[in-house]
């Protein structure tokens, strides 16, 4: 028996026999060509076929009665955009022209250059985009070389697939009736392959190097998608243990599936919105898979990071439209640019600051850089023609900032009207309550907005004067402090007095104890990481609003962090 540790990519436990799968796509010949123009045409013909193939795949997925298939179509929308990107196309053609090499060699060279750029990035999600570059190139090479990824025969019994890498184009064809799970030698938790595995409910572990050297077809293996553990040739006691764990997981999953698309309401019928926080367009697919009622926080910063130029209005519009279309009528809250000197943004040349969290960032940049702000607002408004979008302004500290932001939205609306471009004229505007000054004057700001969303991460940081990234002051970053509970209660009261709704989009919303407390305090929406939605929804169904309101009144009267912590633990143990 041998144990290997990898990266947990999709939860679940699989016990079965190995089926090894290898790719032969890099077994190509690099040779000098005589007619460069003919070779470019050969590449472009393969490109046309690949695009036609993707168009057909996307259309069939969007038309599918399987909700998971329609959600995953957004990933292949991104692949189509990559294939149509002039940077990619011109790069391949340029290599054919400059080096007089065949199309296959030019594609592989361009693939490795682009993949290396992504893999060198600091952000893990962006690093995983290298896999998408390899996927689109695999599709092209398939048409040029007629070599394909080995695939087990359809009539094979169920098995655990082991391969060096699995691209989204391969993952989408996997049949959960035959694939118990899969393990790859490379990859990451944020890859599109991992997202698809989670959506399809296939347990997966990635990043176990040289695993193919350790296994043979038919070997027994255990895959634990929760911990990232893989056990080769397990003994009988280990098999018995993991079979019990697999049964427990199946029972838990069945219980979660019962609430996945159930209404988000308490036992006595009080309904709130359970939404998802996302940071990339494709994560809307995951939100839908977990039954999110909407997107409570779409961080737009990814569009500005890791590229040399600012994103155009069209780039932003496409990203926002893709999310709202994926959510199929559910509301999407797009937070305007929330970035500062703590992040590296090559296109903005932000100055280094001693304390960037208290400096030039978020709405302060937007109001100072009106060209940048107007571009984003126009893109958001254009996307609002395709679904229910709400705009949220971050790091608001005063009434003046709200009024100025609204002025710029009005200017953006006027410009689109003059150009005859459709948008939602009644689009909702809200602000994040994360600076104590905004919480204190919430009653003054409320008439100016449609909603509040409490960003508890920064609200705690600013209220407690404790940098949440500084380990030396971790003890001071305290969500149980009575000041935090009272500020949140004050914001809820101010919003409701003016007929406005209020949500929470920080980490506290994902905590089952705090979520129950917030519902009792009167919160209308909770936005969290998608997997947390099922737990919060299941808990709600076992609770009554009357009981939660009574509990919230008791907690609000407590005067110490310890008392609040003990009360939450005791009530929901």
Protein backbone atom coordinates (compact mmCIF):
# COMPACT_ATOMS: atom_id res chain seq x y z
CA UNK A 1 0.00 0.00 0.00
CA UNK A 2 1.31 3.44 -0.95
CA UNK A 3 -0.13 6.88 -0.23
CA UNK A 4 0.30 9.93 -2.49
CA UNK A 5 -0.88 13.48 -1.76
CA UNK A 6 -2.21 15.87 -4.38
CA UNK A 7 -4.56 18.84 -4.70
CA UNK A 8 -8.23 18.18 -3.91
CA UNK A 9 -10.14 19.37 -6.98
CA UNK A 10 -13.63 17.88 -6.60
CA UNK A 11 -15.07 16.36 -3.44
CA UNK A 12 -16.09 12.74 -3.14
CA UNK A 13 -14.51 9.33 -2.55
CA UNK A 14 -13.91 6.88 -5.38
CA UNK A 15 -12.75 3.27 -5.00
CA UNK A 16 -12.02 1.31 -8.14
CA UNK A 17 -9.53 0.07 -10.69
CA UNK A 18 -7.14 2.22 -12.69
CA UNK A 19 -7.57 3.05 -16.37
CA UNK A 20 -4.50 4.86 -17.70
CA UNK A 21 -4.97 7.37 -20.52
CA UNK A 22 -2.14 8.95 -22.50
CA UNK A 23 -2.00 11.72 -25.11
CA UNK A 24 0.09 11.43 -28.25
CA UNK A 25 -0.52 14.97 -29.48
CA UNK A 26 3.05 16.13 -28.95
CA UNK A 27 4.39 13.29 -31.10
CA UNK A 28 4.58 15.49 -34.16
CA UNK A 29 7.27 16.25 -36.68
CA UNK A 30 8.80 19.70 -36.90
CA UNK A 31 9.92 20.31 -40.43
CA UNK A 32 10.79 23.14 -42.77
CA UNK A 33 8.13 24.12 -45.28
CA UNK A 34 8.64 25.67 -48.72
CA UNK A 35 5.36 27.53 -49.20
CA UNK A 36 4.60 29.70 -46.21
CA UNK A 37 1.26 30.95 -47.54
CA UNK A 38 -0.03 27.42 -48.09
CA UNK A 39 0.98 26.46 -44.56
CA UNK A 40 -0.80 29.50 -43.13
CA UNK A 41 -3.94 28.48 -45.05
CA UNK A 42 -3.59 24.97 -43.66
CA UNK A 43 -3.52 26.44 -40.14
CA UNK A 44 -6.50 28.72 -40.85
CA UNK A 45 -8.53 25.79 -42.24
CA UNK A 46 -7.90 23.85 -39.01
CA UNK A 47 -8.85 26.97 -37.06
CA UNK A 48 -12.15 27.25 -38.95
CA UNK A 49 -12.96 23.59 -38.28
CA UNK A 50 -12.12 23.99 -34.58
CA UNK A 51 -14.35 27.07 -34.30
CA UNK A 52 -17.21 25.28 -36.07
CA UNK A 53 -16.75 22.39 -33.65
CA UNK A 54 -16.83 24.73 -30.65
CA UNK A 55 -19.89 26.58 -31.98
CA UNK A 56 -21.74 23.27 -32.31
CA UNK A 57 -20.63 22.15 -28.84
CA UNK A 58 -21.70 25.41 -27.21
CA UNK A 59 -25.06 25.36 -29.01
CA UNK A 60 -25.77 21.78 -27.96
CA UNK A 61 -24.78 22.51 -24.35
CA UNK A 62 -27.00 25.59 -24.16
CA UNK A 63 -29.91 23.60 -25.63
CA UNK A 64 -29.41 20.69 -23.22
CA UNK A 65 -32.03 19.86 -20.61
CA UNK A 66 -29.12 19.10 -18.28
CA UNK A 67 -28.61 22.25 -16.19
CA UNK A 68 -24.94 21.40 -15.69
CA UNK A 69 -24.29 21.31 -19.43
CA UNK A 70 -25.85 24.72 -20.03
CA UNK A 71 -23.77 26.22 -17.21
CA UNK A 72 -20.51 24.78 -18.53
CA UNK A 73 -21.03 26.36 -21.95
CA UNK A 74 -19.41 29.56 -20.58
CA UNK A 75 -16.06 27.76 -20.37
CA UNK A 76 -16.15 26.96 -24.08
CA UNK A 77 -17.28 30.50 -24.84
CA UNK A 78 -13.93 31.51 -23.36
CA UNK A 79 -12.13 28.92 -25.51
CA UNK A 80 -13.81 30.30 -28.61
CA UNK A 81 -12.64 33.81 -27.71
CA UNK A 82 -9.08 32.51 -27.25
CA UNK A 83 -9.11 30.88 -30.68
CA UNK A 84 -10.33 34.12 -32.23
CA UNK A 85 -7.77 36.26 -30.39
CA UNK A 86 -5.53 38.07 -32.93
CA UNK A 87 -2.60 37.67 -30.53
CA UNK A 88 -2.85 33.89 -30.84
CA UNK A 89 -3.63 33.77 -34.56
CA UNK A 90 -0.98 36.29 -35.57
CA UNK A 91 1.53 34.56 -33.31
CA UNK A 92 1.14 31.23 -35.10
CA UNK A 93 1.15 32.83 -38.55
CA UNK A 94 4.18 34.90 -37.59
CA UNK A 95 6.13 31.78 -36.59
CA UNK A 96 5.26 30.04 -39.84
CA UNK A 97 6.43 33.11 -41.77
CA UNK A 98 9.59 33.85 -39.77
CA UNK A 99 10.81 30.30 -39.15
CA UNK A 100 9.41 28.48 -42.21
CA UNK A 101 8.05 25.71 -39.98
CA UNK A 102 4.94 23.60 -40.27
CA UNK A 103 1.68 24.63 -38.61
CA UNK A 104 1.89 21.95 -35.90
CA UNK A 105 5.30 23.18 -34.74
CA UNK A 106 4.18 26.81 -34.84
CA UNK A 107 1.07 26.04 -32.74
CA UNK A 108 3.09 24.14 -30.13
CA UNK A 109 5.69 26.92 -29.92
CA UNK A 110 3.00 29.56 -29.55
CA UNK A 111 1.23 27.38 -26.98
CA UNK A 112 4.30 27.12 -24.80
CA UNK A 113 5.03 30.86 -24.99
CA UNK A 114 1.51 31.83 -23.93
CA UNK A 115 1.25 29.07 -21.31
CA UNK A 116 4.54 30.22 -19.77
CA UNK A 117 3.16 33.77 -19.41
CA UNK A 118 0.13 32.50 -17.50
CA UNK A 119 2.11 30.05 -15.38
CA UNK A 120 4.43 32.84 -14.23
CA UNK A 121 1.54 34.88 -12.79
CA UNK A 122 1.06 35.30 -9.04
CA UNK A 123 -2.66 34.58 -9.09
CA UNK A 124 -3.45 30.84 -8.96
CA UNK A 125 -6.62 31.22 -11.01
CA UNK A 126 -4.73 33.00 -13.78
CA UNK A 127 -1.98 30.36 -13.70
CA UNK A 128 -4.60 27.72 -14.43
CA UNK A 129 -5.54 29.49 -17.67
CA UNK A 130 -2.42 27.88 -19.16
CA UNK A 131 -4.48 24.69 -19.30
CA UNK A 132 -7.04 26.45 -21.49
CA UNK A 133 -4.30 27.53 -23.90
CA UNK A 134 -3.18 23.90 -24.12
CA UNK A 135 -6.76 22.77 -24.64
CA UNK A 136 -7.44 25.01 -27.63
CA UNK A 137 -4.11 23.97 -29.13
CA UNK A 138 -4.98 20.32 -28.56
CA UNK A 139 -8.16 20.89 -30.55
CA UNK A 140 -6.17 22.41 -33.44
CA UNK A 141 -3.51 19.69 -33.36
CA UNK A 142 -6.23 17.04 -33.46
CA UNK A 143 -7.47 18.40 -36.77
CA UNK A 144 -3.98 18.83 -38.20
CA UNK A 145 -2.43 15.52 -37.10
CA UNK A 146 -5.46 13.25 -36.74
CA UNK A 147 -4.01 12.10 -33.40
CA UNK A 148 -6.36 12.10 -30.45
CA UNK A 149 -6.32 11.51 -26.73
CA UNK A 150 -6.71 7.83 -25.95
CA UNK A 151 -10.17 7.16 -24.56
CA UNK A 152 -11.42 4.01 -22.84
CA UNK A 153 -14.01 2.08 -24.75
CA UNK A 154 -17.61 3.01 -23.98
CA UNK A 155 -18.44 -0.51 -22.86
CA UNK A 156 -15.72 -0.54 -20.20
CA UNK A 157 -16.81 -1.06 -16.61
CA UNK A 158 -16.52 1.78 -14.13
CA UNK A 159 -12.97 2.90 -13.42
CA UNK A 160 -10.77 5.66 -12.03
CA UNK A 161 -9.06 7.52 -14.86
CA UNK A 162 -5.37 8.35 -14.39
CA UNK A 163 -3.69 10.66 -16.90
CA UNK A 164 -0.98 13.30 -17.15
CA UNK A 165 -3.48 16.08 -17.81
CA UNK A 166 -7.15 16.37 -18.64
CA UNK A 167 -8.38 19.36 -20.59
CA UNK A 168 -11.91 20.80 -20.36
CA UNK A 169 -12.67 19.42 -23.85
CA UNK A 170 -11.90 15.94 -22.51
CA UNK A 171 -13.63 16.44 -19.17
CA UNK A 172 -16.92 17.53 -20.70
CA UNK A 173 -17.25 14.13 -22.43
CA UNK A 174 -16.68 12.10 -19.26
CA UNK A 175 -19.66 9.96 -18.28
CA UNK A 176 -20.14 9.74 -14.49
CA UNK A 177 -21.77 6.35 -15.05
CA UNK A 178 -18.34 4.98 -16.04
CA UNK A 179 -15.88 7.45 -14.52
CA UNK A 180 -15.73 6.92 -10.76
CA UNK A 181 -13.17 9.72 -10.53
CA UNK A 182 -10.00 10.99 -12.13
CA UNK A 183 -6.43 11.83 -11.09
CA UNK A 184 -3.98 13.96 -13.06
CA UNK A 185 -0.27 14.56 -12.70
CA UNK A 186 -0.61 18.32 -13.19
CA UNK A 187 -3.35 20.91 -12.71
CA UNK A 188 -4.86 23.07 -10.01
CA UNK A 189 -8.01 23.53 -7.96
CA UNK A 190 -9.05 26.58 -10.00
CA UNK A 191 -8.62 25.00 -13.43
CA UNK A 192 -11.61 24.70 -15.73
CA UNK A 193 -11.17 20.93 -15.58
CA UNK A 194 -11.63 21.07 -11.80
CA UNK A 195 -14.66 23.36 -12.15
CA UNK A 196 -16.23 20.94 -14.63
CA UNK A 197 -15.52 17.96 -12.36
CA UNK A 198 -17.29 19.71 -9.49
CA UNK A 199 -20.24 20.61 -11.71
CA UNK A 200 -20.55 17.03 -12.98
CA UNK A 201 -20.08 15.59 -9.48
CA UNK A 202 -16.97 13.56 -10.37
CA UNK A 203 -14.40 13.18 -7.54
CA UNK A 204 -10.97 14.40 -8.62
CA UNK A 205 -7.43 14.91 -7.35
CA UNK A 206 -4.85 16.78 -9.42
CA UNK A 207 -1.15 17.56 -9.24
CA UNK A 208 0.28 14.13 -8.31
CA UNK A 209 3.52 14.12 -10.28
CA UNK A 210 4.69 10.94 -12.05
CA UNK A 211 1.68 8.96 -10.89
CA UNK A 212 1.51 7.16 -14.23
CA UNK A 213 4.86 5.55 -13.38
CA UNK A 214 3.36 4.04 -10.21
CA UNK A 215 0.15 2.52 -11.57
CA UNK A 216 -0.96 -0.01 -14.15
CA UNK A 217 -4.34 -0.70 -15.69
CA UNK A 218 -6.44 -2.76 -13.30
CA UNK A 219 -4.65 -1.68 -10.09
CA UNK A 220 -6.98 -0.94 -7.18
CA UNK A 221 -6.86 2.66 -6.01
CA UNK A 222 -8.66 5.00 -3.59
CA UNK A 223 -9.26 8.65 -4.46
CA UNK A 224 -10.24 11.08 -1.70
CA UNK A 225 -11.35 14.32 -3.36
CA UNK A 226 -11.86 16.01 0.00
CA UNK A 227 -8.29 15.69 1.29
CA UNK A 228 -6.38 15.16 -1.96
CA UNK A 229 -5.15 11.74 -0.82
CA UNK A 230 -4.69 8.87 -3.26
CA UNK A 231 -3.96 5.35 -1.95
CA UNK A 232 -2.41 2.78 -4.28
CA UNK A 233 -3.15 -0.94 -3.78
CA UNK A 234 -4.97 -0.41 -0.44
CA UNK A 235 -5.19 -3.23 2.09
CA UNK A 236 -8.52 -4.65 3.22
CA UNK A 237 -8.84 -2.58 6.39
CA UNK A 238 -8.19 0.63 4.44
CA UNK A 239 -10.76 -0.39 1.83
CA UNK A 240 -13.32 -1.05 4.55
CA UNK A 241 -12.63 2.34 6.15
CA UNK A 242 -12.98 4.27 2.90
CA UNK A 243 -16.09 2.36 1.87
CA UNK A 244 -17.68 3.59 5.09
CA UNK A 245 -16.51 7.15 4.34
CA UNK A 246 -17.88 6.87 0.81
CA UNK A 247 -21.27 5.80 2.17
CA UNK A 248 -21.29 8.73 4.60
CA UNK A 249 -20.37 11.13 1.81
CA UNK A 250 -23.12 9.71 -0.42
CA UNK A 251 -25.68 10.27 2.34
CA UNK A 252 -24.45 13.84 2.89
CA UNK A 253 -24.54 14.54 -0.85
CA UNK A 254 -28.06 13.15 -1.14
CA UNK A 255 -29.19 15.43 1.70
CA UNK A 256 -27.53 18.43 0.02
CA UNK A 257 -29.09 17.59 -3.33
CA UNK A 258 -32.50 17.85 -1.71
CA UNK A 259 -31.84 21.50 -0.88
CA UNK A 260 -29.68 22.40 -3.89
CA UNK A 261 -32.52 24.04 -5.79
CA UNK A 262 -34.97 24.41 -2.92
CA UNK A 263 -36.20 27.85 -1.88
CA UNK A 264 -33.95 29.65 0.60
CA UNK A 265 -36.46 29.94 3.41
CA UNK A 266 -36.80 29.15 7.08
CA UNK A 267 -39.04 26.47 8.54
CA UNK A 268 -41.83 29.03 8.98
CA UNK A 269 -41.53 30.37 5.43
CA UNK A 270 -39.31 33.46 5.77
CA UNK A 271 -37.27 33.77 2.56
CA UNK A 272 -33.93 35.46 1.98
CA UNK A 273 -31.51 35.37 -0.93
CA UNK A 274 -28.50 33.04 -0.72
CA UNK A 275 -26.05 34.33 -3.32
CA UNK A 276 -22.49 33.51 -4.38
CA UNK A 277 -19.26 35.49 -4.34
CA UNK A 278 -17.24 35.06 -7.55
CA UNK A 279 -14.02 36.51 -8.91
CA UNK A 280 -14.02 35.22 -12.51
CA UNK A 281 -16.70 34.87 -15.19
CA UNK A 282 -16.49 31.08 -15.27
CA UNK A 283 -17.18 30.80 -11.53
CA UNK A 284 -20.81 31.67 -12.27
CA UNK A 285 -21.07 28.08 -13.50
CA UNK A 286 -20.04 26.82 -10.06
CA UNK A 287 -22.52 29.19 -8.41
CA UNK A 288 -25.34 27.73 -10.50
CA UNK A 289 -24.23 24.19 -9.69
CA UNK A 290 -24.60 24.94 -5.98
CA UNK A 291 -28.06 26.44 -6.44
CA UNK A 292 -27.17 30.09 -5.84
CA UNK A 293 -30.11 32.51 -5.89
CA UNK A 294 -27.83 35.03 -7.59
CA UNK A 295 -24.38 36.59 -7.52
CA UNK A 296 -24.04 38.81 -4.45
CA UNK A 297 -20.48 39.91 -5.27
CA UNK A 298 -18.80 39.77 -8.67
CA UNK A 299 -15.28 41.11 -8.18
CA UNK A 300 -14.37 42.86 -11.43
CA UNK A 301 -10.65 43.28 -10.63
CA UNK A 302 -9.56 40.21 -12.63
CA UNK A 303 -10.19 42.17 -15.83
CA UNK A 304 -7.55 44.72 -14.85
CA UNK A 305 -4.85 42.47 -13.46
CA UNK A 306 -2.03 40.65 -15.26
CA UNK A 307 -2.31 42.53 -18.55
CA UNK A 308 -0.35 45.43 -19.97
CA UNK A 309 -3.34 47.56 -21.00
CA UNK A 310 -6.62 48.54 -19.40
CA UNK A 311 -9.57 46.34 -20.43
CA UNK A 312 -11.69 47.89 -23.14
CA UNK A 313 -15.39 48.56 -22.76
CA UNK A 314 -16.07 45.66 -25.12
CA UNK A 315 -13.92 43.22 -23.11
CA UNK A 316 -15.71 44.18 -19.92
CA UNK A 317 -19.13 44.05 -21.55
CA UNK A 318 -18.53 40.50 -22.81
CA UNK A 319 -17.37 39.32 -19.37
CA UNK A 320 -20.36 40.84 -17.57
CA UNK A 321 -22.82 39.61 -20.19
CA UNK A 322 -21.44 36.05 -19.96
CA UNK A 323 -22.04 35.99 -16.21
CA UNK A 324 -25.56 37.40 -16.37
CA UNK A 325 -26.50 34.95 -19.15
CA UNK A 326 -25.10 32.04 -17.16
CA UNK A 327 -27.21 33.08 -14.16
CA UNK A 328 -30.42 32.89 -16.23
CA UNK A 329 -32.39 35.77 -14.78
CA UNK A 330 -30.97 35.58 -11.28
CA UNK A 331 -29.58 38.92 -10.02
CA UNK A 332 -25.88 39.70 -10.43
CA UNK A 333 -24.19 42.38 -8.31
CA UNK A 334 -21.09 43.74 -10.04
CA UNK A 335 -18.72 45.58 -7.74
CA UNK A 336 -16.92 48.39 -9.52
CA UNK A 337 -13.14 48.36 -9.53
CA UNK A 338 -11.80 47.67 -6.04
CA UNK A 339 -8.07 47.81 -6.37
CA UNK A 340 -5.19 49.71 -4.79
CA UNK A 341 -1.47 49.80 -4.20
CA UNK A 342 -1.52 46.38 -2.55
CA UNK A 343 -2.05 44.74 -5.97
CA UNK A 344 0.22 44.75 -9.01
CA UNK A 345 -1.64 46.32 -11.93
CA UNK A 346 0.74 47.03 -14.80
CA UNK A 347 -1.81 49.04 -16.78
CA UNK A 348 -2.50 51.51 -13.96
CA UNK A 349 0.96 52.31 -12.57
CA UNK A 350 -0.31 52.67 -9.01
CA UNK A 351 2.18 54.17 -6.58
CA UNK A 352 3.57 52.14 -3.71
CA UNK A 353 1.94 53.13 -0.43
CA UNK A 354 2.94 52.42 3.15
CA UNK A 355 -0.65 51.48 3.99
CA UNK A 356 -2.54 50.79 0.75
CA UNK A 357 -5.71 49.67 2.55
CA UNK A 358 -6.11 53.23 3.82
CA UNK A 359 -4.91 54.87 0.65
CA UNK A 360 -5.64 55.48 -3.02
CA UNK A 361 -7.98 52.66 -3.98
CA UNK A 362 -11.46 51.56 -5.09
CA UNK A 363 -14.01 54.39 -5.44
CA UNK A 364 -11.26 56.95 -4.77
CA UNK A 365 -9.45 55.85 -7.93
CA UNK A 366 -12.68 55.69 -9.92
CA UNK A 367 -13.76 59.22 -9.03
CA UNK A 368 -10.25 60.48 -9.74
CA UNK A 369 -9.92 58.51 -13.00
CA UNK A 370 -13.30 59.27 -14.51
CA UNK A 371 -12.30 57.87 -17.91
CA UNK A 372 -11.65 54.48 -16.34
CA UNK A 373 -14.87 54.65 -14.27
CA UNK A 374 -17.05 55.71 -17.20
CA UNK A 375 -15.75 52.84 -19.34
CA UNK A 376 -16.67 50.29 -16.69
CA UNK A 377 -20.08 51.82 -16.01
CA UNK A 378 -20.95 51.79 -19.72
CA UNK A 379 -19.92 48.12 -19.96
CA UNK A 380 -22.04 47.18 -16.94
CA UNK A 381 -25.03 49.10 -18.28
CA UNK A 382 -24.76 47.42 -21.68
CA UNK A 383 -24.70 44.00 -20.02
CA UNK A 384 -27.82 44.92 -18.01
CA UNK A 385 -29.83 44.57 -21.22
CA UNK A 386 -29.22 40.80 -20.98
CA UNK A 387 -30.33 40.16 -17.39
CA UNK A 388 -30.78 41.55 -13.89
CA UNK A 389 -27.64 43.44 -12.92
CA UNK A 390 -27.03 45.59 -9.87
CA UNK A 391 -24.08 47.98 -9.45
CA UNK A 392 -22.18 48.20 -6.17
CA UNK A 393 -19.63 50.87 -5.24
CA UNK A 394 -16.86 49.78 -2.82
CA UNK A 395 -15.04 51.61 -0.01
CA UNK A 396 -17.62 54.32 0.43
CA UNK A 397 -16.89 56.61 3.37
CA UNK A 398 -19.18 59.60 2.73
CA UNK A 399 -22.43 60.76 1.17
CA UNK A 400 -20.43 62.84 -1.32
CA UNK A 401 -18.81 59.73 -2.86
CA UNK A 402 -22.21 58.12 -3.37
CA UNK A 403 -23.61 61.21 -5.05
CA UNK A 404 -20.57 61.55 -7.31
CA UNK A 405 -20.75 57.88 -8.34
CA UNK A 406 -24.43 58.32 -9.19
CA UNK A 407 -23.58 61.37 -11.32
CA UNK A 408 -21.16 59.31 -13.37
CA UNK A 409 -23.72 56.55 -13.82
CA UNK A 410 -26.18 59.15 -15.10
CA UNK A 411 -23.54 60.39 -17.57
CA UNK A 412 -22.94 56.81 -18.74
CA UNK A 413 -26.69 56.31 -19.25
CA UNK A 414 -26.99 59.52 -21.25
CA UNK A 415 -24.10 58.56 -23.52
CA UNK A 416 -25.64 55.15 -24.26
CA UNK A 417 -29.06 56.69 -24.95
CA UNK A 418 -27.53 59.06 -27.49
CA UNK A 419 -25.86 56.10 -29.21
CA UNK A 420 -29.08 54.06 -29.19
CA UNK A 421 -27.55 51.28 -27.08
CA UNK A 422 -29.92 49.28 -24.88
CA UNK A 423 -29.57 49.04 -21.09
CA UNK A 424 -31.74 48.70 -17.99
CA UNK A 425 -32.70 52.30 -17.11
CA UNK A 426 -33.84 51.28 -13.60
CA UNK A 427 -30.67 49.36 -12.72
CA UNK A 428 -30.19 49.19 -8.95
CA UNK A 429 -27.26 50.97 -7.30
CA UNK A 430 -25.87 50.05 -3.91
CA UNK A 431 -22.78 50.46 -1.80
CA UNK A 432 -20.54 48.26 0.29
CA UNK A 433 -20.62 49.09 3.98
CA UNK A 434 -17.04 48.32 4.99
CA UNK A 435 -15.78 51.62 6.41
CA UNK A 436 -17.15 52.48 9.89
CA UNK A 437 -18.01 56.03 8.83
CA UNK A 438 -20.45 54.65 6.24
CA UNK A 439 -22.03 52.38 8.86
CA UNK A 440 -22.47 55.29 11.25
CA UNK A 441 -24.20 57.48 8.62
CA UNK A 442 -26.09 54.60 6.95
CA UNK A 443 -29.37 56.40 7.70
CA UNK A 444 -28.11 59.44 5.75
CA UNK A 445 -26.87 57.38 2.78
CA UNK A 446 -29.86 55.02 2.57
CA UNK A 447 -32.17 57.41 0.66
CA UNK A 448 -29.52 57.70 -2.07
CA UNK A 449 -29.18 53.97 -2.84
CA UNK A 450 -31.22 50.85 -3.48
CA UNK A 451 -29.32 48.51 -1.18
CA UNK A 452 -26.42 48.02 1.20
CA UNK A 453 -24.02 45.07 1.19
CA UNK A 454 -21.92 44.72 4.34
CA UNK A 455 -18.35 43.70 3.59
CA UNK A 456 -17.51 42.18 6.95
CA UNK A 457 -13.86 41.42 6.16
CA UNK A 458 -12.88 45.07 5.85
CA UNK A 459 -15.50 46.33 8.30
CA UNK A 460 -13.79 44.28 11.01
CA UNK A 461 -10.34 45.35 9.85
CA UNK A 462 -11.16 49.06 9.87
CA UNK A 463 -13.26 48.98 13.04
CA UNK A 464 -10.73 47.01 15.05
CA UNK A 465 -7.65 48.74 13.51
CA UNK A 466 -6.25 45.28 12.81
CA UNK A 467 -4.69 44.32 9.47
CA UNK A 468 -6.29 40.97 8.64
CA UNK A 469 -3.12 39.91 6.80
CA UNK A 470 -0.84 40.62 9.79
CA UNK A 471 -0.35 37.52 11.92
CA UNK A 472 0.87 39.59 14.87
CA UNK A 473 -2.53 41.23 15.32
CA UNK A 474 -4.73 38.27 14.43
CA UNK A 475 -6.28 38.26 17.91
CA UNK A 476 -7.53 41.81 17.35
CA UNK A 477 -9.29 40.89 14.11
CA UNK A 478 -12.36 39.72 15.97
CA UNK A 479 -15.75 39.14 14.30
CA UNK A 480 -17.33 38.43 17.71
CA UNK A 481 -16.62 41.92 19.06
CA UNK A 482 -19.83 43.66 20.22
CA UNK A 483 -18.90 46.70 18.09
CA UNK A 484 -19.15 44.60 14.93
CA UNK A 485 -22.54 43.14 15.90
CA UNK A 486 -23.86 46.59 16.80
CA UNK A 487 -22.61 48.22 13.58
CA UNK A 488 -24.28 45.52 11.50
CA UNK A 489 -27.53 45.92 13.46
CA UNK A 490 -27.37 49.68 12.97
CA UNK A 491 -26.94 49.32 9.19
CA UNK A 492 -29.86 46.85 8.94
CA UNK A 493 -32.11 49.21 10.89
CA UNK A 494 -31.14 52.24 8.77
CA UNK A 495 -31.74 50.36 5.51
CA UNK A 496 -35.13 49.00 6.53
CA UNK A 497 -36.31 52.35 7.86
CA UNK A 498 -35.91 53.67 4.33
CA UNK A 499 -37.37 50.60 2.62
CA UNK A 500 -34.00 49.35 1.32
CA UNK A 501 -32.68 45.81 1.49
CA UNK A 502 -29.34 44.84 3.00
CA UNK A 503 -26.99 41.92 2.52
CA UNK A 504 -23.70 40.56 3.85
CA UNK A 505 -20.93 39.55 1.44
CA UNK A 506 -17.95 38.94 3.74
CA UNK A 507 -16.65 35.68 5.18
CA UNK A 508 -19.05 35.90 8.12
CA UNK A 509 -21.90 35.11 5.72
CA UNK A 510 -20.37 31.65 5.09
CA UNK A 511 -20.30 30.81 8.79
CA UNK A 512 -23.48 28.86 9.71
CA UNK A 513 -23.58 30.43 13.20
CA UNK A 514 -23.28 34.00 11.99
CA UNK A 515 -25.65 33.32 9.06
CA UNK A 516 -28.36 32.26 11.51
CA UNK A 517 -27.65 35.32 13.67
CA UNK A 518 -27.86 37.63 10.64
CA UNK A 519 -31.19 36.17 9.54
CA UNK A 520 -32.54 36.84 13.02
CA UNK A 521 -31.19 40.41 12.85
CA UNK A 522 -33.12 41.01 9.61
CA UNK A 523 -30.56 40.52 6.84
CA UNK A 524 -32.24 40.09 3.43
CA UNK A 525 -29.35 38.50 1.53
CA UNK A 526 -26.24 36.46 2.33
CA UNK A 527 -23.49 36.09 -0.26
CA UNK A 528 -20.77 33.50 0.21
CA UNK A 529 -18.47 30.98 -1.46
CA UNK A 530 -20.71 28.68 -3.56
CA UNK A 531 -20.13 25.43 -1.59
CA UNK A 532 -21.33 27.10 1.65
CA UNK A 533 -24.78 27.75 0.17
CA UNK A 534 -26.02 24.20 0.66
CA UNK A 535 -25.10 24.12 4.35
CA UNK A 536 -26.69 27.51 5.07
CA UNK A 537 -29.86 26.58 3.14
CA UNK A 538 -30.18 23.22 4.92
CA UNK A 539 -29.78 24.95 8.30
CA UNK A 540 -32.41 27.54 7.44
CA UNK A 541 -34.96 24.84 6.74
CA UNK A 542 -34.58 23.59 10.31
CA UNK A 543 -34.97 27.03 11.93
CA UNK A 544 -37.85 29.44 12.43
CA UNK A 545 -37.57 33.18 12.01
CA UNK A 546 -39.22 33.74 15.39
CA UNK A 547 -36.56 31.68 17.17
CA UNK A 548 -33.74 33.40 15.28
CA UNK A 549 -35.12 36.84 16.06
CA UNK A 550 -35.32 35.99 19.76
CA UNK A 551 -31.75 34.70 19.68
CA UNK A 552 -30.51 37.82 17.84
CA UNK A 553 -32.04 40.05 20.53
CA UNK A 554 -30.20 38.07 23.20
CA UNK A 555 -26.86 38.32 21.37
CA UNK A 556 -27.26 42.06 20.72
CA UNK A 557 -27.46 42.61 24.49
CA UNK A 558 -24.15 40.85 25.19
CA UNK A 559 -21.17 43.03 26.05
CA UNK A 560 -18.09 40.87 25.45
CA UNK A 561 -16.60 38.92 22.55
CA UNK A 562 -16.36 35.83 24.72
CA UNK A 563 -20.04 35.96 25.59
CA UNK A 564 -21.06 36.34 21.95
CA UNK A 565 -18.79 33.48 20.88
CA UNK A 566 -20.08 31.17 23.63
CA UNK A 567 -23.69 32.05 22.80
CA UNK A 568 -23.25 31.24 19.11
CA UNK A 569 -21.47 27.97 19.82
CA UNK A 570 -24.05 26.86 22.37
CA UNK A 571 -27.07 27.78 20.25
CA UNK A 572 -25.99 26.03 17.05
CA UNK A 573 -23.73 23.23 18.27
